[in-house]
């Protein structure tokens, strides 16, 4: 495990996002890093497709909602 140096503005963005997503600051940063890596490795997939693929691989039965569904 190491230390990642990021600028103060990005750290502030991570802190605010972590409050919205109910993750720790470290968990939010790790999530963004992992998703960024996955998106770079699969440039033809959308963000939602990347997440759906990862959820499926983890055994989660997730289906997107139909437009307008809540």
N, C-alpha and C. Protein backbone atom coordinates (compact mmCIF):
# COMPACT_ATOMS: atom_id res chain seq x y z
N UNK A 1 0.86 -1.17 0.00
CA UNK A 1 0.00 0.00 0.00
C UNK A 1 0.90 1.23 0.00
N UNK A 2 0.53 2.20 -0.77
CA UNK A 2 1.34 3.40 -0.86
C UNK A 2 0.51 4.65 -0.71
N UNK A 3 1.19 5.75 -0.87
CA UNK A 3 0.54 7.05 -0.78
C UNK A 3 0.47 7.64 -2.17
N UNK A 4 -0.69 8.18 -2.52
CA UNK A 4 -0.88 8.84 -3.80
C UNK A 4 -0.96 10.34 -3.54
N UNK A 5 -0.12 11.09 -4.22
CA UNK A 5 -0.16 12.55 -4.08
C UNK A 5 -1.14 13.13 -5.09
N UNK A 6 -2.13 13.86 -4.59
CA UNK A 6 -3.09 14.53 -5.46
C UNK A 6 -3.18 15.99 -5.01
N UNK A 7 -3.63 16.83 -5.94
CA UNK A 7 -3.71 18.25 -5.56
C UNK A 7 -4.92 18.49 -4.66
N UNK A 8 -4.91 19.63 -4.00
CA UNK A 8 -5.95 19.95 -3.02
C UNK A 8 -7.34 20.01 -3.62
N UNK A 9 -7.47 20.52 -4.86
CA UNK A 9 -8.78 20.61 -5.50
C UNK A 9 -9.36 19.22 -5.74
N UNK A 10 -8.56 18.29 -6.23
CA UNK A 10 -9.04 16.94 -6.47
C UNK A 10 -9.42 16.27 -5.15
N UNK A 11 -8.62 16.48 -4.11
CA UNK A 11 -8.94 15.91 -2.80
C UNK A 11 -10.29 16.44 -2.31
N UNK A 12 -10.53 17.72 -2.52
CA UNK A 12 -11.80 18.32 -2.12
C UNK A 12 -12.96 17.70 -2.90
N UNK A 13 -12.75 17.46 -4.18
CA UNK A 13 -13.79 16.82 -5.01
C UNK A 13 -14.08 15.40 -4.51
N UNK A 14 -13.02 14.67 -4.18
CA UNK A 14 -13.18 13.30 -3.66
C UNK A 14 -13.93 13.33 -2.34
N UNK A 15 -13.59 14.28 -1.47
CA UNK A 15 -14.25 14.38 -0.17
C UNK A 15 -15.74 14.65 -0.34
N UNK A 16 -16.09 15.59 -1.23
CA UNK A 16 -17.51 15.90 -1.45
C UNK A 16 -18.24 14.71 -2.07
N UNK A 17 -17.61 14.04 -3.05
CA UNK A 17 -18.25 12.88 -3.68
C UNK A 17 -18.44 11.74 -2.68
N UNK A 18 -17.48 11.57 -1.79
CA UNK A 18 -17.58 10.48 -0.82
C UNK A 18 -18.77 10.68 0.12
N UNK A 19 -19.10 11.92 0.42
CA UNK A 19 -20.26 12.19 1.28
C UNK A 19 -21.56 11.80 0.57
N UNK A 20 -21.61 12.03 -0.73
CA UNK A 20 -22.82 11.71 -1.51
C UNK A 20 -22.97 10.20 -1.67
N UNK A 21 -21.86 9.50 -1.90
CA UNK A 21 -21.92 8.06 -2.18
C UNK A 21 -21.78 7.19 -0.94
N UNK A 22 -21.68 7.81 0.23
CA UNK A 22 -21.54 7.09 1.52
C UNK A 22 -20.32 6.18 1.52
N UNK A 23 -19.22 6.67 0.92
CA UNK A 23 -17.95 5.95 0.95
C UNK A 23 -16.95 6.79 1.74
N UNK A 24 -15.93 6.13 2.24
CA UNK A 24 -14.84 6.90 2.83
C UNK A 24 -14.11 7.64 1.71
N UNK A 25 -13.30 8.61 2.07
CA UNK A 25 -12.53 9.33 1.06
C UNK A 25 -11.62 8.37 0.32
N UNK A 26 -10.98 7.46 1.03
CA UNK A 26 -10.10 6.49 0.39
C UNK A 26 -10.88 5.54 -0.52
N UNK A 27 -12.06 5.10 -0.08
CA UNK A 27 -12.87 4.21 -0.91
C UNK A 27 -13.35 4.92 -2.17
N UNK A 28 -13.70 6.20 -2.05
CA UNK A 28 -14.14 6.97 -3.23
C UNK A 28 -12.99 7.11 -4.22
N UNK A 29 -11.80 7.43 -3.72
CA UNK A 29 -10.64 7.56 -4.60
C UNK A 29 -10.33 6.22 -5.27
N UNK A 30 -10.38 5.14 -4.51
CA UNK A 30 -10.11 3.81 -5.08
C UNK A 30 -11.14 3.46 -6.14
N UNK A 31 -12.42 3.80 -5.90
CA UNK A 31 -13.47 3.55 -6.88
C UNK A 31 -13.20 4.30 -8.18
N UNK A 32 -12.89 5.58 -8.07
CA UNK A 32 -12.60 6.36 -9.27
C UNK A 32 -11.38 5.84 -10.01
N UNK A 33 -10.36 5.42 -9.27
CA UNK A 33 -9.16 4.87 -9.90
C UNK A 33 -9.50 3.58 -10.64
N UNK A 34 -10.24 2.69 -10.00
CA UNK A 34 -10.59 1.42 -10.64
C UNK A 34 -11.47 1.64 -11.86
N UNK A 35 -12.49 2.47 -11.73
CA UNK A 35 -13.37 2.73 -12.87
C UNK A 35 -12.60 3.39 -14.01
N UNK A 36 -11.72 4.31 -13.69
CA UNK A 36 -10.90 4.94 -14.72
C UNK A 36 -10.04 3.93 -15.45
N UNK A 37 -9.43 3.02 -14.71
CA UNK A 37 -8.61 1.98 -15.33
C UNK A 37 -9.46 1.07 -16.22
N UNK A 38 -10.63 0.66 -15.72
CA UNK A 38 -11.51 -0.20 -16.51
C UNK A 38 -11.99 0.51 -17.78
N UNK A 39 -12.30 1.79 -17.67
CA UNK A 39 -12.75 2.54 -18.84
C UNK A 39 -11.63 2.70 -19.86
N UNK A 40 -10.41 2.90 -19.41
CA UNK A 40 -9.28 2.98 -20.33
C UNK A 40 -9.06 1.65 -21.04
N UNK A 41 -9.28 0.55 -20.33
CA UNK A 41 -9.07 -0.77 -20.92
C UNK A 41 -10.21 -1.18 -21.84
N UNK A 42 -11.37 -0.54 -21.72
CA UNK A 42 -12.55 -0.86 -22.54
C UNK A 42 -13.14 0.43 -23.09
N UNK A 43 -12.44 1.10 -23.99
CA UNK A 43 -12.88 2.43 -24.44
C UNK A 43 -14.19 2.45 -25.22
N UNK A 44 -14.65 1.30 -25.69
CA UNK A 44 -15.90 1.29 -26.45
C UNK A 44 -17.13 1.13 -25.56
N UNK A 45 -16.91 0.85 -24.26
CA UNK A 45 -18.04 0.68 -23.34
C UNK A 45 -18.36 1.99 -22.65
N UNK A 46 -19.63 2.19 -22.34
CA UNK A 46 -20.03 3.35 -21.54
C UNK A 46 -19.72 3.08 -20.07
N UNK A 47 -19.78 4.12 -19.27
CA UNK A 47 -19.58 3.99 -17.83
C UNK A 47 -20.57 2.97 -17.25
N UNK A 48 -21.84 3.06 -17.66
CA UNK A 48 -22.86 2.14 -17.16
C UNK A 48 -22.56 0.71 -17.58
N UNK A 49 -22.09 0.51 -18.80
CA UNK A 49 -21.75 -0.83 -19.25
C UNK A 49 -20.58 -1.41 -18.46
N UNK A 50 -19.60 -0.58 -18.15
CA UNK A 50 -18.47 -1.04 -17.33
C UNK A 50 -18.98 -1.46 -15.96
N UNK A 51 -19.82 -0.65 -15.33
CA UNK A 51 -20.35 -1.00 -14.01
C UNK A 51 -21.21 -2.25 -14.05
N UNK A 52 -22.05 -2.37 -15.07
CA UNK A 52 -22.90 -3.56 -15.19
C UNK A 52 -22.03 -4.82 -15.35
N UNK A 53 -20.97 -4.73 -16.14
CA UNK A 53 -20.07 -5.86 -16.34
C UNK A 53 -19.41 -6.26 -15.03
N UNK A 54 -18.96 -5.27 -14.25
CA UNK A 54 -18.32 -5.55 -12.97
C UNK A 54 -19.31 -6.12 -11.95
N UNK A 55 -20.52 -5.59 -11.93
CA UNK A 55 -21.55 -6.12 -11.03
C UNK A 55 -21.87 -7.57 -11.39
N UNK A 56 -22.02 -7.84 -12.68
CA UNK A 56 -22.30 -9.21 -13.14
C UNK A 56 -21.16 -10.15 -12.74
N UNK A 57 -19.92 -9.71 -12.93
CA UNK A 57 -18.77 -10.54 -12.57
C UNK A 57 -18.73 -10.83 -11.07
N UNK A 58 -19.29 -9.92 -10.27
CA UNK A 58 -19.34 -10.10 -8.81
C UNK A 58 -20.56 -10.90 -8.36
N UNK A 59 -21.40 -11.30 -9.33
CA UNK A 59 -22.57 -12.11 -8.99
C UNK A 59 -23.80 -11.29 -8.61
N UNK A 60 -23.78 -10.00 -8.89
CA UNK A 60 -24.92 -9.14 -8.58
C UNK A 60 -25.87 -9.15 -9.77
N UNK A 61 -27.14 -9.43 -9.49
CA UNK A 61 -28.14 -9.41 -10.55
C UNK A 61 -28.73 -8.01 -10.66
N UNK A 62 -28.11 -7.18 -11.46
CA UNK A 62 -28.55 -5.80 -11.62
C UNK A 62 -29.01 -5.59 -13.05
N UNK A 63 -30.16 -4.95 -13.18
CA UNK A 63 -30.67 -4.62 -14.51
C UNK A 63 -30.96 -3.12 -14.54
N UNK A 64 -30.63 -2.48 -15.65
CA UNK A 64 -30.97 -1.06 -15.74
C UNK A 64 -32.47 -0.87 -15.74
N UNK A 65 -32.92 0.24 -15.17
CA UNK A 65 -34.33 0.57 -15.17
C UNK A 65 -34.75 1.06 -16.54
N UNK A 66 -35.99 0.82 -16.89
CA UNK A 66 -36.52 1.35 -18.14
C UNK A 66 -36.60 2.88 -18.01
N UNK A 67 -36.45 3.59 -19.11
CA UNK A 67 -36.56 5.07 -19.04
C UNK A 67 -37.87 5.48 -18.37
N UNK A 68 -37.77 6.38 -17.43
CA UNK A 68 -38.94 6.89 -16.71
C UNK A 68 -39.32 6.06 -15.51
N UNK A 69 -38.71 4.88 -15.33
CA UNK A 69 -39.04 4.04 -14.17
C UNK A 69 -38.28 4.56 -12.95
N UNK A 70 -38.87 4.38 -11.80
CA UNK A 70 -38.21 4.82 -10.57
C UNK A 70 -38.09 3.70 -9.59
